[in-house]
Amino acid sequence: MLTLNGGSVEVDLHQTYIMLFKEDLTVRDLLKSCSKVHLADDNKKVLSVNDYTPLSNEEWKLKVNGKQLLDDGMDMKLRAQDELEILLTLR
């Protein structure tokens, strides 16, 4: 499952998607497969969600099962029951 969450910054941005799971699916693979999410050219961070690009005092954070993903977590393999959240936060 993928949740897009604008938090208190973009309250209208809150959507949940049930995504197709496949073996060896990584966080990066899931994000790349979602047309609502745009990654940087190096595929290491989220640039925009639903065409919203964070302001200079905002940033996208990734969480898996409620726990914040570390910078090197894009290659983490997901399980079928995992929930990925993209959350807009203030820096």
PDB file of N, CA and C in Angstrom:
ATOM      1  N   MET A   1       0.842  -1.164   0.000  1.00  0.00           N
ATOM      2  CA  MET A   1       0.000   0.000   0.000  1.00  0.00           C
ATOM      3  C   MET A   1       0.896   1.238   0.000  1.00  0.00           C
ATOM      4  N   LEU A   2       0.493   2.251  -0.743  1.00  0.00           N
ATOM      5  CA  LEU A   2       1.221   3.514  -0.831  1.00  0.00           C
ATOM      6  C   LEU A   2       0.290   4.636  -0.407  1.00  0.00           C
ATOM      7  N   THR A   3       0.733   5.442   0.562  1.00  0.00           N
ATOM      8  CA  THR A   3      -0.043   6.586   1.025  1.00  0.00           C
ATOM      9  C   THR A   3       0.714   7.859   0.715  1.00  0.00           C
ATOM     10  N   LEU A   4       0.028   8.803   0.080  1.00  0.00           N
ATOM     11  CA  LEU A   4       0.567  10.138  -0.169  1.00  0.00           C
ATOM     12  C   LEU A   4      -0.064  11.049   0.861  1.00  0.00           C
ATOM     13  N   ASN A   5       0.770  11.731   1.657  1.00  0.00           N
ATOM     14  CA  ASN A   5       0.264  12.494   2.782  1.00  0.00           C
ATOM     15  C   ASN A   5       0.904  13.880   2.797  1.00  0.00           C
ATOM     16  N   GLY A   6       0.087  14.903   2.590  1.00  0.00           N
ATOM     17  CA  GLY A   6       0.571  16.276   2.617  1.00  0.00           C
ATOM     18  C   GLY A   6       0.742  16.828   4.016  1.00  0.00           C
ATOM     19  N   GLY A   7       0.396  16.033   5.030  1.00  0.00           N
ATOM     20  CA  GLY A   7       0.538  16.468   6.417  1.00  0.00           C
ATOM     21  C   GLY A   7      -0.251  17.726   6.691  1.00  0.00           C
ATOM     22  N   SER A   8       0.259  18.567   7.569  1.00  0.00           N
ATOM     23  CA  SER A   8      -0.414  19.828   7.898  1.00  0.00           C
ATOM     24  C   SER A   8      -0.096  20.910   6.877  1.00  0.00           C
ATOM     25  N   VAL A   9       0.845  20.633   5.974  1.00  0.00           N
ATOM     26  CA  VAL A   9       1.282  21.613   4.986  1.00  0.00           C
ATOM     27  C   VAL A   9       0.321  21.654   3.800  1.00  0.00           C
ATOM     28  N   GLU A  10       0.045  20.510   3.202  1.00  0.00           N
ATOM     29  CA  GLU A  10      -0.865  20.382   2.054  1.00  0.00           C
ATOM     30  C   GLU A  10      -1.979  19.421   2.446  1.00  0.00           C
ATOM     31  N   VAL A  11      -2.950  19.918   3.205  1.00  0.00           N
ATOM     32  CA  VAL A  11      -3.983  19.047   3.771  1.00  0.00           C
ATOM     33  C   VAL A  11      -4.846  18.369   2.707  1.00  0.00           C
ATOM     34  N   ASP A  12      -4.944  18.949   1.527  1.00  0.00           N
ATOM     35  CA  ASP A  12      -5.750  18.341   0.462  1.00  0.00           C
ATOM     36  C   ASP A  12      -5.051  17.154  -0.198  1.00  0.00           C
ATOM     37  N   LEU A  13      -3.780  16.989   0.072  1.00  0.00           N
ATOM     38  CA  LEU A  13      -3.021  15.887  -0.518  1.00  0.00           C
ATOM     39  C   LEU A  13      -3.016  14.708   0.449  1.00  0.00           C
ATOM     40  N   HIS A  14      -3.979  13.841   0.296  1.00  0.00           N
ATOM     41  CA  HIS A  14      -4.015  12.614   1.094  1.00  0.00           C
ATOM     42  C   HIS A  14      -4.723  11.549   0.273  1.00  0.00           C
ATOM     43  N   GLN A  15      -3.934  10.622  -0.234  1.00  0.00           N
ATOM     44  CA  GLN A  15      -4.471   9.551  -1.065  1.00  0.00           C
ATOM     45  C   GLN A  15      -3.776   8.253  -0.706  1.00  0.00           C
ATOM     46  N   THR A  16      -4.515   7.164  -0.822  1.00  0.00           N
ATOM     47  CA  THR A  16      -3.961   5.843  -0.567  1.00  0.00           C
ATOM     48  C   THR A  16      -4.196   4.969  -1.789  1.00  0.00           C
ATOM     49  N   TYR A  17      -3.172   4.222  -2.160  1.00  0.00           N
ATOM     50  CA  TYR A  17      -3.238   3.347  -3.329  1.00  0.00           C
ATOM     51  C   TYR A  17      -2.841   1.931  -2.927  1.00  0.00           C
ATOM     52  N   ILE A  18      -3.555   0.971  -3.461  1.00  0.00           N
ATOM     53  CA  ILE A  18      -3.154  -0.426  -3.330  1.00  0.00           C
ATOM     54  C   ILE A  18      -2.316  -0.730  -4.568  1.00  0.00           C
ATOM     55  N   MET A  19      -1.065  -1.055  -4.346  1.00  0.00           N
ATOM     56  CA  MET A  19      -0.130  -1.261  -5.454  1.00  0.00           C
ATOM     57  C   MET A  19       0.092  -2.763  -5.671  1.00  0.00           C
ATOM     58  N   LEU A  20       0.372  -3.129  -6.899  1.00  0.00           N
ATOM     59  CA  LEU A  20       0.651  -4.512  -7.254  1.00  0.00           C
ATOM     60  C   LEU A  20       1.990  -4.923  -6.644  1.00  0.00           C
ATOM     61  N   PHE A  21       1.984  -6.023  -5.919  1.00  0.00           N
ATOM     62  CA  PHE A  21       3.209  -6.510  -5.279  1.00  0.00           C
ATOM     63  C   PHE A  21       3.841  -7.591  -6.145  1.00  0.00           C
ATOM     64  N   LYS A  22       5.161  -7.547  -6.204  1.00  0.00           N
ATOM     65  CA  LYS A  22       5.909  -8.616  -6.863  1.00  0.00           C
ATOM     66  C   LYS A  22       7.138  -8.918  -6.025  1.00  0.00           C
ATOM     67  N   GLU A  23       7.670 -10.096  -6.183  1.00  0.00           N
ATOM     68  CA  GLU A  23       8.856 -10.525  -5.451  1.00  0.00           C
ATOM     69  C   GLU A  23      10.016  -9.573  -5.716  1.00  0.00           C
ATOM     70  N   ASP A  24      10.807  -9.297  -4.686  1.00  0.00           N
ATOM     71  CA  ASP A  24      11.992  -8.432  -4.767  1.00  0.00           C
ATOM     72  C   ASP A  24      11.661  -6.976  -5.100  1.00  0.00           C
ATOM     73  N   LEU A  25      10.454  -6.532  -4.794  1.00  0.00           N
ATOM     74  CA  LEU A  25      10.052  -5.140  -5.007  1.00  0.00           C
ATOM     75  C   LEU A  25      10.752  -4.250  -3.982  1.00  0.00           C
ATOM     76  N   THR A  26      11.414  -3.200  -4.445  1.00  0.00           N
ATOM     77  CA  THR A  26      12.080  -2.266  -3.539  1.00  0.00           C
ATOM     78  C   THR A  26      11.252  -0.992  -3.412  1.00  0.00           C
ATOM     79  N   VAL A  27      11.597  -0.179  -2.430  1.00  0.00           N
ATOM     80  CA  VAL A  27      10.943   1.118  -2.252  1.00  0.00           C
ATOM     81  C   VAL A  27      11.077   1.927  -3.540  1.00  0.00           C
ATOM     82  N   ARG A  28      12.266   1.959  -4.102  1.00  0.00           N
ATOM     83  CA  ARG A  28      12.520   2.703  -5.340  1.00  0.00           C
ATOM     84  C   ARG A  28      11.625   2.202  -6.480  1.00  0.00           C
ATOM     85  N   ASP A  29      11.520   0.873  -6.630  1.00  0.00           N
ATOM     86  CA  ASP A  29      10.677   0.291  -7.683  1.00  0.00           C
ATOM     87  C   ASP A  29       9.221   0.715  -7.526  1.00  0.00           C
ATOM     88  N   LEU A  30       8.737   0.677  -6.301  1.00  0.00           N
ATOM     89  CA  LEU A  30       7.344   1.048  -6.044  1.00  0.00           C
ATOM     90  C   LEU A  30       7.108   2.514  -6.378  1.00  0.00           C
ATOM     91  N   LEU A  31       8.024   3.378  -5.963  1.00  0.00           N
ATOM     92  CA  LEU A  31       7.878   4.807  -6.250  1.00  0.00           C
ATOM     93  C   LEU A  31       7.937   5.078  -7.751  1.00  0.00           C
ATOM     94  N   LYS A  32       8.833   4.397  -8.443  1.00  0.00           N
ATOM     95  CA  LYS A  32       8.956   4.596  -9.891  1.00  0.00           C
ATOM     96  C   LYS A  32       7.715   4.116 -10.640  1.00  0.00           C
ATOM     97  N   SER A  33       7.008   3.144 -10.074  1.00  0.00           N
ATOM     98  CA  SER A  33       5.825   2.597 -10.743  1.00  0.00           C
ATOM     99  C   SER A  33       4.570   3.443 -10.526  1.00  0.00           C
ATOM    100  N   CYS A  34       4.646   4.419  -9.636  1.00  0.00           N
ATOM    101  CA  CYS A  34       3.488   5.267  -9.336  1.00  0.00           C
ATOM    102  C   CYS A  34       3.585   6.564 -10.140  1.00  0.00           C
ATOM    103  N   SER A  35       2.610   6.805 -10.974  1.00  0.00           N
ATOM    104  CA  SER A  35       2.641   7.996 -11.838  1.00  0.00           C
ATOM    105  C   SER A  35       2.467   9.299 -11.060  1.00  0.00           C
ATOM    106  N   LYS A  36       2.017   9.232  -9.825  1.00  0.00           N
ATOM    107  CA  LYS A  36       1.823  10.428  -8.999  1.00  0.00           C
ATOM    108  C   LYS A  36       3.120  10.913  -8.367  1.00  0.00           C
ATOM    109  N   VAL A  37       4.150  10.063  -8.387  1.00  0.00           N
ATOM    110  CA  VAL A  37       5.420  10.355  -7.717  1.00  0.00           C
ATOM    111  C   VAL A  37       6.509  10.561  -8.764  1.00  0.00           C
ATOM    112  N   HIS A  38       7.267  11.652  -8.613  1.00  0.00           N
ATOM    113  CA  HIS A  38       8.380  11.930  -9.518  1.00  0.00           C
ATOM    114  C   HIS A  38       9.672  11.964  -8.705  1.00  0.00           C
ATOM    115  N   LEU A  39      10.624  11.142  -9.122  1.00  0.00           N
ATOM    116  CA  LEU A  39      11.909  11.053  -8.434  1.00  0.00           C
ATOM    117  C   LEU A  39      12.944  11.932  -9.119  1.00  0.00           C
ATOM    118  N   ALA A  40      14.004  12.245  -8.375  1.00  0.00           N
ATOM    119  CA  ALA A  40      15.141  12.973  -8.944  1.00  0.00           C
ATOM    120  C   ALA A  40      15.779  12.113 -10.030  1.00  0.00           C
ATOM    121  N   ASP A  41      16.596  12.723 -10.871  1.00  0.00           N
ATOM    122  CA  ASP A  41      17.243  12.003 -11.970  1.00  0.00           C
ATOM    123  C   ASP A  41      18.041  10.793 -11.493  1.00  0.00           C
ATOM    124  N   ASP A  42      18.617  10.886 -10.290  1.00  0.00           N
ATOM    125  CA  ASP A  42      19.398   9.767  -9.761  1.00  0.00           C
ATOM    126  C   ASP A  42      18.530   8.748  -9.017  1.00  0.00           C
ATOM    127  N   ASN A  43      17.212   8.982  -8.971  1.00  0.00           N
ATOM    128  CA  ASN A  43      16.244   8.093  -8.307  1.00  0.00           C
ATOM    129  C   ASN A  43      16.523   7.904  -6.819  1.00  0.00           C
ATOM    130  N   LYS A  44      17.151   8.898  -6.187  1.00  0.00           N
ATOM    131  CA  LYS A  44      17.493   8.773  -4.772  1.00  0.00           C
ATOM    132  C   LYS A  44      16.564   9.540  -3.850  1.00  0.00           C
ATOM    133  N   LYS A  45      15.767  10.467  -4.399  1.00  0.00           N
ATOM    134  CA  LYS A  45      14.835  11.202  -3.546  1.00  0.00           C
ATOM    135  C   LYS A  45      13.603  11.612  -4.338  1.00  0.00           C
ATOM    136  N   VAL A  46      12.537  11.865  -3.592  1.00  0.00           N
ATOM    137  CA  VAL A  46      11.274  12.273  -4.195  1.00  0.00           C
ATOM    138  C   VAL A  46      11.335  13.767  -4.485  1.00  0.00           C
ATOM    139  N   LEU A  47      11.039  14.139  -5.721  1.00  0.00           N
ATOM    140  CA  LEU A  47      10.999  15.555  -6.107  1.00  0.00           C
ATOM    141  C   LEU A  47       9.612  16.144  -5.938  1.00  0.00           C
ATOM    142  N   SER A  48       8.603  15.422  -6.441  1.00  0.00           N
ATOM    143  CA  SER A  48       7.242  15.947  -6.358  1.00  0.00           C
ATOM    144  C   SER A  48       6.240  14.807  -6.252  1.00  0.00           C
ATOM    145  N   VAL A  49       5.091  15.140  -5.671  1.00  0.00           N
ATOM    146  CA  VAL A  49       3.980  14.210  -5.539  1.00  0.00           C
ATOM    147  C   VAL A  49       2.731  14.948  -5.986  1.00  0.00           C
ATOM    148  N   ASN A  50       1.979  14.339  -6.904  1.00  0.00           N
ATOM    149  CA  ASN A  50       0.776  15.000  -7.448  1.00  0.00           C
ATOM    150  C   ASN A  50       1.108  16.390  -7.972  1.00  0.00           C
ATOM    151  N   ASP A  51       2.262  16.518  -8.593  1.00  0.00           N
ATOM    152  CA  ASP A  51       2.745  17.787  -9.155  1.00  0.00           C
ATOM    153  C   ASP A  51       3.017  18.858  -8.101  1.00  0.00           C
ATOM    154  N   TYR A  52       3.111  18.474  -6.822  1.00  0.00           N
ATOM    155  CA  TYR A  52       3.476  19.436  -5.776  1.00  0.00           C
ATOM    156  C   TYR A  52       4.953  19.247  -5.446  1.00  0.00           C
ATOM    157  N   THR A  53       5.724  20.313  -5.619  1.00  0.00           N
ATOM    158  CA  THR A  53       7.141  20.322  -5.269  1.00  0.00           C
ATOM    159  C   THR A  53       7.297  21.105  -3.973  1.00  0.00           C
ATOM    160  N   PRO A  54       7.979  20.542  -2.980  1.00  0.00           N
ATOM    161  CA  PRO A  54       8.116  21.219  -1.690  1.00  0.00           C
ATOM    162  C   PRO A  54       8.795  22.585  -1.807  1.00  0.00           C
ATOM    163  N   LEU A  55       8.374  23.495  -0.952  1.00  0.00           N
ATOM    164  CA  LEU A  55       9.025  24.794  -0.831  1.00  0.00           C
ATOM    165  C   LEU A  55      10.368  24.600  -0.137  1.00  0.00           C
ATOM    166  N   SER A  56      11.156  25.646  -0.022  1.00  0.00           N
ATOM    167  CA  SER A  56      12.502  25.528   0.557  1.00  0.00           C
ATOM    168  C   SER A  56      12.482  25.080   2.019  1.00  0.00           C
ATOM    169  N   ASN A  57      11.376  25.308   2.725  1.00  0.00           N
ATOM    170  CA  ASN A  57      11.295  24.907   4.134  1.00  0.00           C
ATOM    171  C   ASN A  57      10.520  23.600   4.321  1.00  0.00           C
ATOM    172  N   GLU A  58      10.262  22.881   3.228  1.00  0.00           N
ATOM    173  CA  GLU A  58       9.528  21.620   3.270  1.00  0.00           C
ATOM    174  C   GLU A  58      10.370  20.508   2.644  1.00  0.00           C
ATOM    175  N   GLU A  59      10.020  19.264   2.967  1.00  0.00           N
ATOM    176  CA  GLU A  59      10.684  18.124   2.345  1.00  0.00           C
ATOM    177  C   GLU A  59       9.781  16.905   2.421  1.00  0.00           C
ATOM    178  N   TRP A  60      10.009  15.981   1.487  1.00  0.00           N
ATOM    179  CA  TRP A  60       9.296  14.708   1.494  1.00  0.00           C
ATOM    180  C   TRP A  60      10.071  13.732   2.361  1.00  0.00           C
ATOM    181  N   LYS A  61       9.369  13.035   3.257  1.00  0.00           N
ATOM    182  CA  LYS A  61       9.970  11.977   4.071  1.00  0.00           C
ATOM    183  C   LYS A  61       9.287  10.674   3.692  1.00  0.00           C
ATOM    184  N   LEU A  62      10.029   9.601   3.712  1.00  0.00           N
ATOM    185  CA  LEU A  62       9.486   8.279   3.420  1.00  0.00           C
ATOM    186  C   LEU A  62       9.411   7.470   4.705  1.00  0.00           C
ATOM    187  N   LYS A  63       8.300   6.773   4.875  1.00  0.00           N
ATOM    188  CA  LYS A  63       8.127   5.895   6.026  1.00  0.00           C
ATOM    189  C   LYS A  63       7.656   4.535   5.537  1.00  0.00           C
ATOM    190  N   VAL A  64       8.185   3.494   6.150  1.00  0.00           N
ATOM    191  CA  VAL A  64       7.714   2.138   5.896  1.00  0.00           C
ATOM    192  C   VAL A  64       7.181   1.605   7.212  1.00  0.00           C
ATOM    193  N   ASN A  65       5.917   1.244   7.207  1.00  0.00           N
ATOM    194  CA  ASN A  65       5.238   0.745   8.408  1.00  0.00           C
ATOM    195  C   ASN A  65       5.391   1.709   9.584  1.00  0.00           C
ATOM    196  N   GLY A  66       5.307   3.012   9.290  1.00  0.00           N
ATOM    197  CA  GLY A  66       5.351   4.033  10.329  1.00  0.00           C
ATOM    198  C   GLY A  66       6.739   4.455  10.767  1.00  0.00           C
ATOM    199  N   LYS A  67       7.780   3.826  10.252  1.00  0.00           N
ATOM    200  CA  LYS A  67       9.153   4.164  10.641  1.00  0.00           C
ATOM    201  C   LYS A  67       9.843   4.891   9.496  1.00  0.00           C
ATOM    202  N   GLN A  68      10.515   6.000   9.851  1.00  0.00           N
ATOM    203  CA  GLN A  68      11.183   6.800   8.826  1.00  0.00           C
ATOM    204  C   GLN A  68      12.294   6.009   8.151  1.00  0.00           C
ATOM    205  N   LEU A  69      12.340   6.131   6.835  1.00  0.00           N
ATOM    206  CA  LEU A  69      13.342   5.446   6.028  1.00  0.00           C
ATOM    207  C   LEU A  69      14.629   6.262   6.028  1.00  0.00           C
ATOM    208  N   LEU A  70      15.753   5.602   6.185  1.00  0.00           N
ATOM    209  CA  LEU A  70      17.047   6.276   6.125  1.00  0.00           C
ATOM    210  C   LEU A  70      17.371   6.612   4.675  1.00  0.00           C
ATOM    211  N   ASP A  71      18.369   7.462   4.475  1.00  0.00           N
ATOM    212  CA  ASP A  71      18.737   7.903   3.127  1.00  0.00           C
ATOM    213  C   ASP A  71      19.068   6.744   2.189  1.00  0.00           C
ATOM    214  N   ASP A  72      19.644   5.689   2.735  1.00  0.00           N
ATOM    215  CA  ASP A  72      20.019   4.547   1.892  1.00  0.00           C
ATOM    216  C   ASP A  72      18.910   3.491   1.811  1.00  0.00           C
ATOM    217  N   GLY A  73      17.714   3.844   2.251  1.00  0.00           N
ATOM    218  CA  GLY A  73      16.617   2.880   2.318  1.00  0.00           C
ATOM    219  C   GLY A  73      15.838   2.667   1.040  1.00  0.00           C
ATOM    220  N   MET A  74      16.180   3.377  -0.030  1.00  0.00           N
ATOM    221  CA  MET A  74      15.433   3.236  -1.285  1.00  0.00           C
ATOM    222  C   MET A  74      15.550   1.830  -1.875  1.00  0.00           C
ATOM    223  N   ASP A  75      16.597   1.108  -1.516  1.00  0.00           N
ATOM    224  CA  ASP A  75      16.780  -0.243  -2.044  1.00  0.00           C
ATOM    225  C   ASP A  75      16.255  -1.323  -1.100  1.00  0.00           C
ATOM    226  N   MET A  76      15.567  -0.894  -0.049  1.00  0.00           N
ATOM    227  CA  MET A  76      14.970  -1.848   0.884  1.00  0.00           C
ATOM    228  C   MET A  76      13.904  -2.669   0.161  1.00  0.00           C
ATOM    229  N   LYS A  77      13.962  -3.979   0.339  1.00  0.00           N
ATOM    230  CA  LYS A  77      12.955  -4.854  -0.265  1.00  0.00           C
ATOM    231  C   LYS A  77      11.697  -4.835   0.595  1.00  0.00           C
ATOM    232  N   LEU A  78      10.573  -4.724  -0.078  1.00  0.00           N
ATOM    233  CA  LEU A  78       9.286  -4.670   0.607  1.00  0.00           C
ATOM    234  C   LEU A  78       8.651  -6.053   0.665  1.00  0.00           C
ATOM    235  N   ARG A  79       7.787  -6.222   1.660  1.00  0.00           N
ATOM    236  CA  ARG A  79       6.969  -7.427   1.765  1.00  0.00           C
ATOM    237  C   ARG A  79       5.542  -7.054   1.389  1.00  0.00           C
ATOM    238  N   ALA A  80       4.729  -8.027   1.105  1.00  0.00           N
ATOM    239  CA  ALA A  80       3.359  -7.781   0.635  1.00  0.00           C
ATOM    240  C   ALA A  80       2.551  -6.945   1.623  1.00  0.00           C
ATOM    241  N   GLN A  81       2.786  -7.094   2.910  1.00  0.00           N
ATOM    242  CA  GLN A  81       1.992  -6.385   3.918  1.00  0.00           C
ATOM    243  C   GLN A  81       2.564  -5.015   4.293  1.00  0.00           C
ATOM    244  N   ASP A  82       3.693  -4.621   3.723  1.00  0.00           N
ATOM    245  CA  ASP A  82       4.316  -3.337   4.059  1.00  0.00           C
ATOM    246  C   ASP A  82       3.488  -2.162   3.552  1.00  0.00           C
ATOM    247  N   GLU A  83       3.550  -1.072   4.311  1.00  0.00           N
ATOM    248  CA  GLU A  83       2.880   0.170   3.940  1.00  0.00           C
ATOM    249  C   GLU A  83       3.925   1.265   3.794  1.00  0.00           C
ATOM    250  N   LEU A  84       3.985   1.858   2.613  1.00  0.00           N
ATOM    251  CA  LEU A  84       4.918   2.945   2.325  1.00  0.00           C
ATOM    252  C   LEU A  84       4.150   4.257   2.341  1.00  0.00           C
ATOM    253  N   GLU A  85       4.670   5.233   3.075  1.00  0.00           N
ATOM    254  CA  GLU A  85       4.033   6.550   3.151  1.00  0.00           C
ATOM    255  C   GLU A  85       5.027   7.613   2.705  1.00  0.00           C
ATOM    256  N   ILE A  86       4.550   8.533   1.886  1.00  0.00           N
ATOM    257  CA  ILE A  86       5.323   9.714   1.507  1.00  0.00           C
ATOM    258  C   ILE A  86       4.669  10.878   2.225  1.00  0.00           C
ATOM    259  N   LEU A  87       5.407  11.503   3.127  1.00  0.00           N
ATOM    260  CA  LEU A  87       4.866  12.533   4.002  1.00  0.00           C
ATOM    261  C   LEU A  87       5.578  13.860   3.765  1.00  0.00           C
ATOM    262  N   LEU A  88       4.803  14.908   3.568  1.00  0.00           N
ATOM    263  CA  LEU A  88       5.359  16.252   3.413  1.00  0.00           C
ATOM    264  C   LEU A  88       5.515  16.867   4.795  1.00  0.00           C
ATOM    265  N   THR A  89       6.745  17.275   5.137  1.00  0.00           N
ATOM    266  CA  THR A  89       7.015  17.845   6.455  1.00  0.00           C
ATOM    267  C   THR A  89       7.774  19.160   6.321  1.00  0.00           C
ATOM    268  N   LEU A  90       7.765  19.917   7.396  1.00  0.00           N
ATOM    269  CA  LEU A  90       8.592  21.121   7.474  1.00  0.00           C
ATOM    270  C   LEU A  90       9.989  20.697   7.890  1.00  0.00           C
ATOM    271  N   ARG A  91      10.997  21.383   7.366  1.00  0.00           N
ATOM    272  CA  ARG A  91      12.392  21.067   7.725  1.00  0.00           C
ATOM    273  C   ARG A  91      12.686  21.506   9.130  1.00  0.00           C
TER     274      ARG A  91
END
